[in-house]
Amino acid sequence: MATTFASSGPYIPTKSLVAGHGTNQFAMASGFSQNYVADQVIVPLPLVVTSFSVTSPNLVTMTSGGSVVNEVNTAGIGGVVITDTNDPLAWSFIVPWDMDPAKEFAVRYEYVNRAGIAYSSATDLVTTKSYWDKWDLSTDTGALATTVFSETTNTTTIPSVAYGRCWSSWDAVNDSAVLSANPVPAEDRIIGFCRFTLATNVTSIFVIGAQLGYYKRYQA
C-alpha cells in the first residue's frame, strides 16, 4: 500500500461526496481497502506528560524538568509549553490489536499559539523530528527511543491567529521499518518522543494533543 500518512493524511470523503445519512460508511468503501470500509485509523495518543525534558537526549522528571503544563488562555485546556529547540515531548502506546504489523504508522501533534501572539510570517514554523523503538512484552529493557522516524523531519506553518491551533504534518514510520520491528498487536509497546525546533521568531507554543495513525490488518 502506498504511503499516505506522511504526504496528505488518511483520505476520508467529505459529506458532499457521500449518498446521505445512514449510507456514508458504505460510500467510503474502497476497492483498495483491506476488507474494511475505511482501513486507515486515527486515534488519540496519550502524551506522557511526566516524561519530558529540556536536555538532550535525556528524559527527566516533572519536578526537575523545565517544560511545564499550562492552561491555554481561559479555555480550560492544558498544554505542554515548548519554548526551546531542546524541548522533547514523550509519548507511548500499546500496539493496537487491529493494527497491521507490516504497514506504516504515523504520529502528528496539535499546536496552539501562546500568549495571544498572532504569528503571520512565512517563517513562523515548527519542525518535528520523532524517535521510536519497540518495547517487547518481557524481553526488552525499557529505554529512551533512539530510532528516527522514516519521515525524518516535518515542518508545519503555525496559524496567524491568537491562540490559533493546528495539526502538524504526519511523522511516519514506513512499511519496511515496521515489518522489521515485528510489533505484536495488543502486546508490545511503542515508545517515542519528538524533538521540536522553533523558527527564530516563534518564541513558544503549546502542544495540547497528539494522534496515532495506522492501517488495520486484514481479517477475512
N, C-alpha and C. Protein backbone atom coordinates (compact mmCIF):
# COMPACT_ATOMS: atom_id res chain seq x y z
N MET A 1 0.85 -1.19 0.00
CA MET A 1 0.00 0.00 0.00
C MET A 1 0.88 1.24 0.00
N ALA A 2 0.50 2.22 -0.76
CA ALA A 2 1.30 3.44 -0.85
C ALA A 2 1.30 4.20 0.46
N THR A 3 2.40 4.87 0.72
CA THR A 3 2.49 5.70 1.90
C THR A 3 1.64 6.95 1.71
N THR A 4 0.72 7.19 2.65
CA THR A 4 -0.17 8.35 2.53
C THR A 4 -0.14 9.23 3.76
N PHE A 5 0.15 8.68 4.93
CA PHE A 5 0.11 9.48 6.15
C PHE A 5 1.07 10.66 6.06
N ALA A 6 2.28 10.42 5.58
CA ALA A 6 3.28 11.47 5.59
C ALA A 6 2.98 12.58 4.59
N SER A 7 2.27 12.25 3.51
CA SER A 7 2.05 13.24 2.47
C SER A 7 0.80 14.07 2.71
N SER A 8 -0.33 13.42 2.90
CA SER A 8 -1.57 14.18 3.00
C SER A 8 -2.52 13.68 4.07
N GLY A 9 -2.16 12.61 4.74
CA GLY A 9 -3.04 12.08 5.77
C GLY A 9 -4.08 11.14 5.18
N PRO A 10 -4.80 10.43 6.04
CA PRO A 10 -5.80 9.45 5.57
C PRO A 10 -6.90 10.14 4.77
N TYR A 11 -7.35 9.49 3.72
CA TYR A 11 -8.40 10.04 2.88
C TYR A 11 -9.76 9.60 3.38
N ILE A 12 -10.58 10.54 3.75
CA ILE A 12 -11.97 10.29 4.11
C ILE A 12 -12.83 11.25 3.30
N PRO A 13 -13.79 10.77 2.50
CA PRO A 13 -14.61 11.67 1.69
C PRO A 13 -15.38 12.66 2.54
N THR A 14 -15.59 13.85 2.00
CA THR A 14 -16.40 14.84 2.70
C THR A 14 -17.88 14.47 2.57
N LYS A 15 -18.71 15.13 3.36
CA LYS A 15 -20.13 14.81 3.38
C LYS A 15 -20.77 14.97 2.01
N SER A 16 -20.28 15.93 1.24
CA SER A 16 -20.86 16.17 -0.08
C SER A 16 -20.62 15.03 -1.05
N LEU A 17 -19.67 14.15 -0.73
CA LEU A 17 -19.33 13.06 -1.65
C LEU A 17 -20.05 11.76 -1.33
N VAL A 18 -20.79 11.74 -0.23
CA VAL A 18 -21.46 10.51 0.16
C VAL A 18 -22.95 10.64 -0.12
N ALA A 19 -23.64 9.51 -0.08
CA ALA A 19 -25.03 9.48 -0.52
C ALA A 19 -25.99 10.14 0.47
N GLY A 20 -25.66 10.11 1.73
CA GLY A 20 -26.56 10.71 2.69
C GLY A 20 -26.50 9.98 4.02
N HIS A 21 -27.28 10.43 4.97
CA HIS A 21 -27.26 9.85 6.31
C HIS A 21 -27.59 8.36 6.27
N GLY A 22 -26.80 7.58 6.99
CA GLY A 22 -27.05 6.15 7.06
C GLY A 22 -26.34 5.35 5.99
N THR A 23 -25.83 6.01 4.94
CA THR A 23 -25.15 5.28 3.87
C THR A 23 -23.72 5.73 3.68
N ASN A 24 -23.28 6.72 4.48
CA ASN A 24 -21.95 7.27 4.24
C ASN A 24 -20.83 6.28 4.50
N GLN A 25 -21.02 5.34 5.43
CA GLN A 25 -19.96 4.37 5.68
C GLN A 25 -19.72 3.49 4.46
N PHE A 26 -20.80 3.06 3.82
CA PHE A 26 -20.63 2.24 2.63
C PHE A 26 -20.08 3.06 1.47
N ALA A 27 -20.40 4.34 1.44
CA ALA A 27 -19.88 5.19 0.38
C ALA A 27 -18.37 5.37 0.50
N MET A 28 -17.83 5.15 1.70
CA MET A 28 -16.40 5.29 1.91
C MET A 28 -15.62 4.05 1.49
N ALA A 29 -16.33 2.96 1.15
CA ALA A 29 -15.65 1.73 0.79
C ALA A 29 -14.76 1.92 -0.43
N SER A 30 -13.62 1.27 -0.40
CA SER A 30 -12.65 1.39 -1.49
C SER A 30 -12.19 0.01 -1.92
N GLY A 31 -12.01 -0.16 -3.20
CA GLY A 31 -11.50 -1.44 -3.69
C GLY A 31 -10.10 -1.72 -3.25
N PHE A 32 -9.39 -0.70 -2.76
CA PHE A 32 -8.03 -0.87 -2.30
C PHE A 32 -7.95 -1.11 -0.79
N SER A 33 -9.08 -0.99 -0.09
CA SER A 33 -9.05 -1.17 1.36
C SER A 33 -8.90 -2.63 1.70
N GLN A 34 -8.39 -2.92 2.87
CA GLN A 34 -8.11 -4.29 3.29
C GLN A 34 -9.35 -4.91 3.93
N ASN A 35 -10.40 -5.06 3.13
CA ASN A 35 -11.65 -5.65 3.60
C ASN A 35 -12.35 -4.81 4.64
N TYR A 36 -12.07 -3.51 4.68
CA TYR A 36 -12.68 -2.60 5.63
C TYR A 36 -13.32 -1.44 4.87
N VAL A 37 -14.35 -0.86 5.47
CA VAL A 37 -14.94 0.34 4.90
C VAL A 37 -13.90 1.45 4.84
N ALA A 38 -13.16 1.64 5.93
CA ALA A 38 -12.05 2.58 5.96
C ALA A 38 -10.92 1.90 6.71
N ASP A 39 -9.81 1.64 6.04
CA ASP A 39 -8.76 0.85 6.66
C ASP A 39 -7.68 1.69 7.31
N GLN A 40 -7.83 3.01 7.28
CA GLN A 40 -6.90 3.88 7.98
C GLN A 40 -7.56 4.41 9.25
N VAL A 41 -6.86 4.29 10.35
CA VAL A 41 -7.43 4.62 11.65
C VAL A 41 -6.64 5.75 12.28
N ILE A 42 -7.35 6.71 12.89
CA ILE A 42 -6.70 7.78 13.65
C ILE A 42 -7.27 7.76 15.06
N VAL A 43 -6.40 7.65 16.06
CA VAL A 43 -6.83 7.59 17.45
C VAL A 43 -6.01 8.56 18.28
N PRO A 44 -6.57 9.05 19.39
CA PRO A 44 -5.79 9.93 20.28
C PRO A 44 -4.57 9.21 20.83
N LEU A 45 -3.49 9.94 20.97
CA LEU A 45 -2.24 9.38 21.50
C LEU A 45 -1.94 10.05 22.83
N PRO A 46 -2.03 9.34 23.94
CA PRO A 46 -1.77 9.97 25.24
C PRO A 46 -0.34 10.49 25.33
N LEU A 47 -0.19 11.72 25.75
CA LEU A 47 1.13 12.30 25.98
C LEU A 47 1.63 11.87 27.35
N VAL A 48 2.89 11.49 27.42
CA VAL A 48 3.47 11.11 28.70
C VAL A 48 3.99 12.39 29.35
N VAL A 49 3.08 13.11 29.99
CA VAL A 49 3.43 14.45 30.46
C VAL A 49 4.38 14.43 31.65
N THR A 50 4.63 13.25 32.22
CA THR A 50 5.62 13.17 33.29
C THR A 50 7.01 12.83 32.76
N SER A 51 7.17 12.79 31.45
CA SER A 51 8.46 12.40 30.88
C SER A 51 8.85 13.31 29.73
N PHE A 52 9.09 14.58 30.03
CA PHE A 52 9.59 15.47 29.00
C PHE A 52 10.82 16.19 29.53
N SER A 53 11.55 16.83 28.64
CA SER A 53 12.90 17.23 29.01
C SER A 53 13.31 18.54 28.35
N VAL A 54 14.23 19.24 28.98
CA VAL A 54 14.87 20.39 28.35
C VAL A 54 16.33 20.11 28.06
N THR A 55 16.75 18.88 28.25
CA THR A 55 18.12 18.49 27.93
C THR A 55 18.08 17.41 26.86
N SER A 56 19.13 17.29 26.14
CA SER A 56 19.14 16.33 25.04
C SER A 56 20.22 15.28 25.28
N PRO A 57 19.86 13.98 25.20
CA PRO A 57 18.53 13.45 24.88
C PRO A 57 17.81 12.89 26.11
N ASN A 58 18.27 13.21 27.31
CA ASN A 58 17.77 12.53 28.49
C ASN A 58 16.36 12.98 28.87
N LEU A 59 15.54 12.03 29.28
CA LEU A 59 14.23 12.35 29.82
C LEU A 59 14.38 12.61 31.31
N VAL A 60 13.69 13.61 31.80
CA VAL A 60 13.78 13.93 33.21
C VAL A 60 12.38 13.99 33.80
N THR A 61 12.32 14.07 35.11
CA THR A 61 11.02 14.05 35.77
C THR A 61 10.35 15.41 35.70
N MET A 62 9.09 15.41 36.07
CA MET A 62 8.30 16.64 36.02
C MET A 62 8.86 17.68 36.99
N THR A 63 9.43 17.23 38.12
CA THR A 63 9.90 18.18 39.13
C THR A 63 11.20 18.86 38.72
N SER A 64 12.06 18.16 37.97
CA SER A 64 13.35 18.74 37.63
C SER A 64 13.42 19.26 36.20
N GLY A 65 12.41 18.96 35.39
CA GLY A 65 12.41 19.40 34.00
C GLY A 65 11.95 20.84 33.88
N GLY A 66 12.27 21.46 32.74
CA GLY A 66 11.89 22.84 32.52
C GLY A 66 10.57 23.01 31.80
N SER A 67 10.08 21.96 31.12
CA SER A 67 8.80 22.06 30.45
C SER A 67 7.68 22.08 31.48
N VAL A 68 6.62 22.80 31.18
CA VAL A 68 5.51 22.92 32.12
C VAL A 68 4.20 22.72 31.39
N VAL A 69 3.15 22.39 32.15
CA VAL A 69 1.80 22.28 31.62
C VAL A 69 1.01 23.50 32.08
N ASN A 70 0.53 24.28 31.12
CA ASN A 70 -0.23 25.49 31.43
C ASN A 70 -1.59 25.43 30.76
N GLU A 71 -2.53 26.23 31.28
CA GLU A 71 -3.82 26.35 30.65
C GLU A 71 -3.70 27.18 29.38
N VAL A 72 -4.41 26.77 28.34
CA VAL A 72 -4.46 27.52 27.09
C VAL A 72 -5.48 28.64 27.23
N ASN A 73 -4.98 29.88 27.33
CA ASN A 73 -5.85 31.03 27.52
C ASN A 73 -6.79 30.76 28.69
N THR A 74 -8.08 30.89 28.50
CA THR A 74 -9.04 30.55 29.55
C THR A 74 -9.94 29.42 29.10
N ALA A 75 -9.42 28.58 28.20
CA ALA A 75 -10.23 27.53 27.60
C ALA A 75 -10.42 26.33 28.52
N GLY A 76 -9.64 26.26 29.62
CA GLY A 76 -9.73 25.09 30.48
C GLY A 76 -9.04 23.87 29.89
N ILE A 77 -8.21 24.09 28.88
CA ILE A 77 -7.46 23.01 28.24
C ILE A 77 -5.98 23.19 28.55
N GLY A 78 -5.33 22.12 28.99
CA GLY A 78 -3.92 22.19 29.32
C GLY A 78 -3.04 21.84 28.14
N GLY A 79 -1.88 22.48 28.08
CA GLY A 79 -0.91 22.17 27.03
C GLY A 79 0.49 22.18 27.58
N VAL A 80 1.36 21.35 26.99
CA VAL A 80 2.76 21.34 27.36
C VAL A 80 3.46 22.48 26.64
N VAL A 81 4.13 23.33 27.38
CA VAL A 81 4.78 24.51 26.81
C VAL A 81 6.12 24.12 26.20
N ILE A 82 6.29 24.43 24.92
CA ILE A 82 7.54 24.20 24.21
C ILE A 82 8.17 25.57 23.96
N THR A 83 9.35 25.79 24.52
CA THR A 83 9.97 27.11 24.42
C THR A 83 11.35 27.09 23.78
N ASP A 84 11.86 25.92 23.48
CA ASP A 84 13.24 25.84 23.02
C ASP A 84 13.42 24.62 22.13
N THR A 85 14.42 24.64 21.27
CA THR A 85 14.64 23.51 20.37
C THR A 85 15.12 22.27 21.10
N ASN A 86 15.44 22.37 22.37
CA ASN A 86 15.83 21.20 23.14
C ASN A 86 14.68 20.63 23.96
N ASP A 87 13.46 21.04 23.65
CA ASP A 87 12.30 20.54 24.38
C ASP A 87 11.68 19.35 23.66
N PRO A 88 11.98 18.12 24.07
CA PRO A 88 11.27 16.97 23.52
C PRO A 88 9.98 16.70 24.30
N LEU A 89 9.08 15.97 23.69
CA LEU A 89 7.84 15.56 24.32
C LEU A 89 7.69 14.05 24.14
N ALA A 90 7.47 13.33 25.23
CA ALA A 90 7.42 11.87 25.17
C ALA A 90 6.00 11.37 25.00
N TRP A 91 5.88 10.18 24.40
CA TRP A 91 4.59 9.52 24.23
C TRP A 91 4.83 8.02 24.12
N SER A 92 3.77 7.26 24.28
CA SER A 92 3.87 5.81 24.08
C SER A 92 2.47 5.24 23.87
N PHE A 93 2.42 4.03 23.31
CA PHE A 93 1.13 3.36 23.14
C PHE A 93 1.35 1.86 23.01
N ILE A 94 0.37 1.09 23.50
CA ILE A 94 0.34 -0.34 23.23
C ILE A 94 -0.08 -0.52 21.78
N VAL A 95 0.60 -1.40 21.04
CA VAL A 95 0.25 -1.63 19.64
C VAL A 95 -1.21 -2.07 19.57
N PRO A 96 -2.06 -1.32 18.87
CA PRO A 96 -3.48 -1.67 18.81
C PRO A 96 -3.70 -3.08 18.28
N TRP A 97 -4.71 -3.75 18.81
CA TRP A 97 -4.94 -5.15 18.45
C TRP A 97 -5.26 -5.31 16.97
N ASP A 98 -5.82 -4.26 16.34
CA ASP A 98 -6.20 -4.36 14.94
C ASP A 98 -5.19 -3.72 14.00
N MET A 99 -4.04 -3.30 14.53
CA MET A 99 -3.03 -2.65 13.69
C MET A 99 -2.28 -3.67 12.84
N ASP A 100 -2.07 -3.35 11.58
CA ASP A 100 -1.29 -4.21 10.70
C ASP A 100 0.18 -4.06 11.06
N PRO A 101 0.85 -5.15 11.53
CA PRO A 101 2.24 -5.05 11.97
C PRO A 101 3.23 -5.02 10.82
N ALA A 102 2.73 -4.92 9.59
CA ALA A 102 3.61 -4.83 8.43
C ALA A 102 3.37 -3.55 7.65
N LYS A 103 2.59 -2.63 8.21
CA LYS A 103 2.23 -1.42 7.49
C LYS A 103 2.61 -0.19 8.32
N GLU A 104 2.76 0.90 7.61
CA GLU A 104 3.15 2.19 8.17
C GLU A 104 2.26 2.65 9.33
N PHE A 105 2.88 3.30 10.32
CA PHE A 105 2.13 4.08 11.29
C PHE A 105 2.74 5.48 11.36
N ALA A 106 1.99 6.41 11.90
CA ALA A 106 2.44 7.80 11.91
C ALA A 106 1.90 8.52 13.14
N VAL A 107 2.56 9.61 13.50
CA VAL A 107 2.17 10.43 14.64
C VAL A 107 2.15 11.90 14.21
N ARG A 108 1.17 12.64 14.68
CA ARG A 108 1.16 14.09 14.45
C ARG A 108 0.79 14.79 15.75
N TYR A 109 1.07 16.09 15.81
CA TYR A 109 0.95 16.85 17.05
C TYR A 109 0.03 18.05 16.85
N GLU A 110 -0.68 18.40 17.90
CA GLU A 110 -1.63 19.52 17.86
C GLU A 110 -1.04 20.72 18.58
N TYR A 111 -0.93 21.84 17.88
CA TYR A 111 -0.30 23.04 18.42
C TYR A 111 -1.33 24.13 18.69
N VAL A 112 -0.98 25.00 19.66
CA VAL A 112 -1.73 26.23 19.89
C VAL A 112 -0.72 27.34 20.15
N ASN A 113 -0.94 28.50 19.54
CA ASN A 113 -0.09 29.67 19.82
C ASN A 113 -0.23 30.07 21.28
N ARG A 114 0.82 30.65 21.81
CA ARG A 114 0.82 31.08 23.21
C ARG A 114 0.72 32.60 23.34
N ALA A 115 0.35 33.05 24.52
CA ALA A 115 0.44 34.45 24.94
C ALA A 115 -0.26 35.42 24.00
N GLY A 116 -1.27 34.95 23.31
CA GLY A 116 -2.03 35.83 22.45
C GLY A 116 -1.30 36.32 21.23
N ILE A 117 -0.16 35.72 20.91
CA ILE A 117 0.63 36.18 19.77
C ILE A 117 0.05 35.60 18.48
N ALA A 118 -0.19 36.47 17.51
CA ALA A 118 -0.65 36.04 16.21
C ALA A 118 0.51 36.07 15.24
N TYR A 119 1.12 34.93 14.97
CA TYR A 119 2.23 34.88 14.02
C TYR A 119 1.70 35.06 12.61
N SER A 120 2.47 35.65 11.75
CA SER A 120 1.96 35.94 10.41
C SER A 120 2.99 35.74 9.31
N SER A 121 4.24 35.52 9.66
CA SER A 121 5.28 35.41 8.66
C SER A 121 5.37 34.00 8.11
N ALA A 122 5.83 33.89 6.86
CA ALA A 122 6.02 32.57 6.25
C ALA A 122 7.09 31.77 6.97
N THR A 123 7.89 32.44 7.79
CA THR A 123 8.94 31.73 8.52
C THR A 123 8.49 31.30 9.90
N ASP A 124 7.20 31.46 10.20
CA ASP A 124 6.68 31.02 11.50
C ASP A 124 6.42 29.52 11.42
N LEU A 125 7.44 28.76 11.74
CA LEU A 125 7.41 27.32 11.50
C LEU A 125 7.76 26.55 12.76
N VAL A 126 7.23 25.35 12.84
CA VAL A 126 7.63 24.38 13.85
C VAL A 126 8.06 23.11 13.13
N THR A 127 9.26 22.65 13.41
CA THR A 127 9.78 21.43 12.79
C THR A 127 9.83 20.32 13.82
N THR A 128 9.35 19.14 13.44
CA THR A 128 9.35 17.99 14.34
C THR A 128 10.31 16.93 13.84
N LYS A 129 10.96 16.28 14.77
CA LYS A 129 11.79 15.10 14.49
C LYS A 129 11.48 14.08 15.56
N SER A 130 10.86 12.99 15.16
CA SER A 130 10.37 12.00 16.12
C SER A 130 11.25 10.75 16.13
N TYR A 131 11.27 10.11 17.29
CA TYR A 131 12.06 8.89 17.51
C TYR A 131 11.15 7.81 18.09
N TRP A 132 11.48 6.55 17.81
CA TRP A 132 10.66 5.46 18.31
C TRP A 132 11.48 4.20 18.50
N ASP A 133 10.99 3.32 19.33
CA ASP A 133 11.52 1.96 19.48
C ASP A 133 10.40 1.06 19.98
N LYS A 134 10.51 -0.22 19.68
CA LYS A 134 9.55 -1.19 20.19
C LYS A 134 10.02 -1.70 21.55
N TRP A 135 9.09 -1.81 22.48
CA TRP A 135 9.38 -2.36 23.80
C TRP A 135 8.62 -3.67 23.93
N ASP A 136 9.35 -4.78 23.81
CA ASP A 136 8.72 -6.10 23.86
C ASP A 136 8.06 -6.35 25.21
N LEU A 137 7.15 -7.32 25.20
CA LEU A 137 6.37 -7.61 26.41
C LEU A 137 7.25 -7.98 27.59
N SER A 138 8.28 -8.79 27.39
CA SER A 138 9.07 -9.22 28.55
C SER A 138 10.57 -9.33 28.29
N THR A 139 11.00 -9.17 27.05
CA THR A 139 12.40 -9.47 26.74
C THR A 139 13.28 -8.24 26.62
N ASP A 140 12.71 -7.05 26.51
CA ASP A 140 13.50 -5.83 26.34
C ASP A 140 13.43 -4.96 27.59
N THR A 141 14.54 -4.29 27.87
CA THR A 141 14.55 -3.30 28.93
C THR A 141 14.08 -1.96 28.36
N GLY A 142 13.16 -1.33 29.06
CA GLY A 142 12.67 -0.04 28.60
C GLY A 142 13.79 0.99 28.60
N ALA A 143 13.88 1.76 27.51
CA ALA A 143 14.93 2.76 27.39
C ALA A 143 14.45 3.86 26.45
N LEU A 144 15.19 4.95 26.45
CA LEU A 144 14.87 6.07 25.58
C LEU A 144 14.86 5.65 24.12
N ALA A 145 13.84 6.06 23.38
CA ALA A 145 13.75 5.74 21.96
C ALA A 145 14.91 6.39 21.19
N THR A 146 15.49 5.65 20.26
CA THR A 146 16.67 6.14 19.53
C THR A 146 16.53 6.08 18.02
N THR A 147 15.51 5.41 17.50
CA THR A 147 15.36 5.23 16.06
C THR A 147 14.57 6.38 15.46
N VAL A 148 15.17 7.10 14.54
CA VAL A 148 14.48 8.22 13.91
C VAL A 148 13.38 7.70 12.98
N PHE A 149 12.24 8.38 12.99
CA PHE A 149 11.17 8.02 12.07
C PHE A 149 11.67 8.03 10.63
N SER A 150 11.03 7.25 9.78
CA SER A 150 11.39 7.22 8.37
C SER A 150 11.20 8.58 7.74
N GLU A 151 10.17 9.30 8.16
CA GLU A 151 9.97 10.69 7.77
C GLU A 151 10.79 11.50 8.76
N THR A 152 12.05 11.79 8.42
CA THR A 152 13.00 12.26 9.43
C THR A 152 12.65 13.62 10.02
N THR A 153 12.15 14.54 9.21
CA THR A 153 11.72 15.84 9.74
C THR A 153 10.49 16.31 8.98
N ASN A 154 9.61 17.03 9.66
CA ASN A 154 8.43 17.63 9.05
C ASN A 154 8.29 19.04 9.56
N THR A 155 7.96 19.95 8.67
CA THR A 155 7.82 21.35 9.05
C THR A 155 6.39 21.81 8.82
N THR A 156 5.83 22.49 9.82
CA THR A 156 4.45 22.97 9.77
C THR A 156 4.42 24.47 10.00
N THR A 157 3.66 25.20 9.18
CA THR A 157 3.44 26.63 9.40
C THR A 157 2.32 26.80 10.41
N ILE A 158 2.58 27.52 11.49
CA ILE A 158 1.57 27.68 12.53
C ILE A 158 0.63 28.82 12.15
N PRO A 159 -0.59 28.83 12.68
CA PRO A 159 -1.60 29.81 12.25
C PRO A 159 -1.29 31.22 12.75
N SER A 160 -1.74 32.19 11.98
CA SER A 160 -1.54 33.60 12.37
C SER A 160 -2.78 34.10 13.09
N VAL A 161 -3.16 33.40 14.13
CA VAL A 161 -4.33 33.74 14.93
C VAL A 161 -3.94 33.63 16.40
N ALA A 162 -4.37 34.58 17.21
CA ALA A 162 -4.10 34.49 18.64
C ALA A 162 -4.73 33.22 19.21
N TYR A 163 -3.93 32.41 19.87
CA TYR A 163 -4.35 31.11 20.37
C TYR A 163 -4.92 30.23 19.27
N GLY A 164 -4.43 30.43 18.05
CA GLY A 164 -4.86 29.58 16.95
C GLY A 164 -4.25 28.19 17.09
N ARG A 165 -4.96 27.19 16.60
CA ARG A 165 -4.49 25.81 16.73
C ARG A 165 -4.37 25.17 15.36
N CYS A 166 -3.50 24.16 15.27
CA CYS A 166 -3.33 23.43 14.01
C CYS A 166 -2.73 22.07 14.30
N TRP A 167 -2.77 21.20 13.31
CA TRP A 167 -2.09 19.92 13.37
C TRP A 167 -0.77 20.01 12.62
N SER A 168 0.23 19.33 13.15
CA SER A 168 1.49 19.23 12.42
C SER A 168 1.34 18.27 11.26
N SER A 169 2.34 18.23 10.40
CA SER A 169 2.41 17.18 9.38
C SER A 169 2.64 15.83 10.08
N TRP A 170 2.30 14.75 9.39
CA TRP A 170 2.50 13.42 9.95
C TRP A 170 3.98 13.06 9.95
N ASP A 171 4.50 12.61 11.09
CA ASP A 171 5.80 11.95 11.16
C ASP A 171 5.53 10.45 11.01
N ALA A 172 6.12 9.82 10.01
CA ALA A 172 5.73 8.46 9.65
C ALA A 172 6.89 7.47 9.75
N VAL A 173 6.55 6.23 10.11
CA VAL A 173 7.47 5.09 10.06
C VAL A 173 6.99 4.20 8.92
N ASN A 174 7.84 3.97 7.91
CA ASN A 174 7.35 3.30 6.71
C ASN A 174 7.16 1.80 6.90
N ASP A 175 6.54 1.18 5.88
CA ASP A 175 6.16 -0.23 5.96
C ASP A 175 7.34 -1.14 6.32
N SER A 176 8.47 -0.97 5.65
CA SER A 176 9.59 -1.89 5.85
C SER A 176 10.15 -1.78 7.27
N ALA A 177 10.17 -0.57 7.84
CA ALA A 177 10.69 -0.41 9.19
C ALA A 177 9.77 -1.06 10.22
N VAL A 178 8.46 -0.93 10.03
CA VAL A 178 7.51 -1.57 10.94
C VAL A 178 7.62 -3.08 10.82
N LEU A 179 7.69 -3.59 9.60
CA LEU A 179 7.81 -5.03 9.39
C LEU A 179 9.06 -5.57 10.04
N SER A 180 10.17 -4.84 9.94
CA SER A 180 11.42 -5.29 10.53
C SER A 180 11.33 -5.35 12.05
N ALA A 181 10.62 -4.40 12.64
CA ALA A 181 10.48 -4.39 14.10
C ALA A 181 9.56 -5.49 14.59
N ASN A 182 8.65 -5.94 13.73
CA ASN A 182 7.74 -7.06 14.04
C ASN A 182 6.96 -6.82 15.34
N PRO A 183 6.22 -5.73 15.46
CA PRO A 183 5.45 -5.50 16.69
C PRO A 183 4.29 -6.47 16.81
N VAL A 184 4.00 -6.89 18.03
CA VAL A 184 2.90 -7.82 18.29
C VAL A 184 1.69 -7.02 18.77
N PRO A 185 0.61 -6.99 18.01
CA PRO A 185 -0.57 -6.22 18.42
C PRO A 185 -1.10 -6.67 19.78
N ALA A 186 -1.50 -5.67 20.57
CA ALA A 186 -2.08 -5.86 21.91
C ALA A 186 -1.07 -6.34 22.94
N GLU A 187 0.21 -6.49 22.56
CA GLU A 187 1.22 -6.97 23.49
C GLU A 187 2.38 -5.99 23.62
N ASP A 188 3.04 -5.69 22.52
CA ASP A 188 4.22 -4.82 22.57
C ASP A 188 3.82 -3.36 22.72
N ARG A 189 4.73 -2.56 23.26
CA ARG A 189 4.52 -1.12 23.41
C ARG A 189 5.51 -0.39 22.51
N ILE A 190 5.03 0.65 21.85
CA ILE A 190 5.88 1.56 21.10
C ILE A 190 6.15 2.78 21.98
N ILE A 191 7.43 3.08 22.21
CA ILE A 191 7.79 4.27 22.98
C ILE A 191 8.47 5.26 22.06
N GLY A 192 8.31 6.52 22.36
CA GLY A 192 8.92 7.51 21.48
C GLY A 192 8.89 8.90 22.06
N PHE A 193 9.49 9.81 21.34
CA PHE A 193 9.41 11.22 21.71
C PHE A 193 9.68 12.05 20.46
N CYS A 194 9.30 13.31 20.55
CA CYS A 194 9.51 14.23 19.44
C CYS A 194 10.35 15.40 19.93
N ARG A 195 11.33 15.78 19.13
CA ARG A 195 12.11 16.98 19.43
C ARG A 195 11.64 18.10 18.51
N PHE A 196 11.29 19.23 19.11
CA PHE A 196 10.73 20.36 18.37
C PHE A 196 11.81 21.40 18.08
N THR A 197 11.76 21.96 16.88
CA THR A 197 12.61 23.09 16.52
C THR A 197 11.70 24.25 16.15
N LEU A 198 11.86 25.38 16.84
CA LEU A 198 11.03 26.55 16.59
C LEU A 198 11.78 27.54 15.70
N ALA A 199 11.04 28.18 14.80
CA ALA A 199 11.64 29.22 13.98
C ALA A 199 12.10 30.37 14.87
N THR A 200 13.00 31.18 14.36
CA THR A 200 13.61 32.23 15.19
C THR A 200 12.60 33.22 15.75
N ASN A 201 11.50 33.45 15.04
CA ASN A 201 10.51 34.40 15.53
C ASN A 201 9.33 33.73 16.21
N VAL A 202 9.44 32.44 16.47
CA VAL A 202 8.44 31.72 17.26
C VAL A 202 9.04 31.46 18.63
N THR A 203 8.53 32.14 19.63
CA THR A 203 9.14 32.04 20.95
C THR A 203 8.67 30.82 21.73
N SER A 204 7.42 30.42 21.55
CA SER A 204 6.91 29.27 22.29
C SER A 204 5.55 28.86 21.74
N ILE A 205 5.20 27.60 21.98
CA ILE A 205 3.90 27.07 21.59
C ILE A 205 3.39 26.14 22.69
N PHE A 206 2.10 25.87 22.66
CA PHE A 206 1.52 24.77 23.43
C PHE A 206 1.45 23.54 22.53
N VAL A 207 1.72 22.36 23.08
CA VAL A 207 1.33 21.11 22.45
C VAL A 207 0.19 20.55 23.30
N ILE A 208 -1.00 20.48 22.73
CA ILE A 208 -2.17 20.08 23.53
C ILE A 208 -2.65 18.67 23.20
N GLY A 209 -2.06 18.05 22.19
CA GLY A 209 -2.50 16.70 21.88
C GLY A 209 -1.64 16.06 20.80
N ALA A 210 -1.87 14.78 20.60
CA ALA A 210 -1.18 14.04 19.55
C ALA A 210 -2.11 12.94 19.06
N GLN A 211 -1.86 12.46 17.86
CA GLN A 211 -2.66 11.39 17.29
C GLN A 211 -1.77 10.32 16.69
N LEU A 212 -2.26 9.09 16.74
CA LEU A 212 -1.62 7.95 16.10
C LEU A 212 -2.46 7.57 14.88
N GLY A 213 -1.80 7.38 13.74
CA GLY A 213 -2.48 6.89 12.55
C GLY A 213 -1.88 5.56 12.14
N TYR A 214 -2.74 4.59 11.80
CA TYR A 214 -2.24 3.28 11.40
C TYR A 214 -3.23 2.60 10.47
N TYR A 215 -2.79 1.49 9.86
CA TYR A 215 -3.63 0.69 8.99
C TYR A 215 -4.13 -0.53 9.74
N LYS A 216 -5.40 -0.88 9.50
CA LYS A 216 -5.92 -2.10 10.09
C LYS A 216 -5.37 -3.31 9.36
N ARG A 217 -5.18 -4.40 10.10
CA ARG A 217 -4.71 -5.63 9.47
C ARG A 217 -5.89 -6.36 8.83
N TYR A 218 -5.59 -7.12 7.80
CA TYR A 218 -6.63 -7.83 7.07
C TYR A 218 -7.24 -8.93 7.92
N GLN A 219 -8.57 -9.02 7.90
CA GLN A 219 -9.28 -10.12 8.54
C GLN A 219 -10.32 -10.63 7.58
N ALA A 220 -10.27 -11.89 7.31
CA ALA A 220 -11.24 -12.48 6.37
C ALA A 220 -12.60 -12.58 7.01
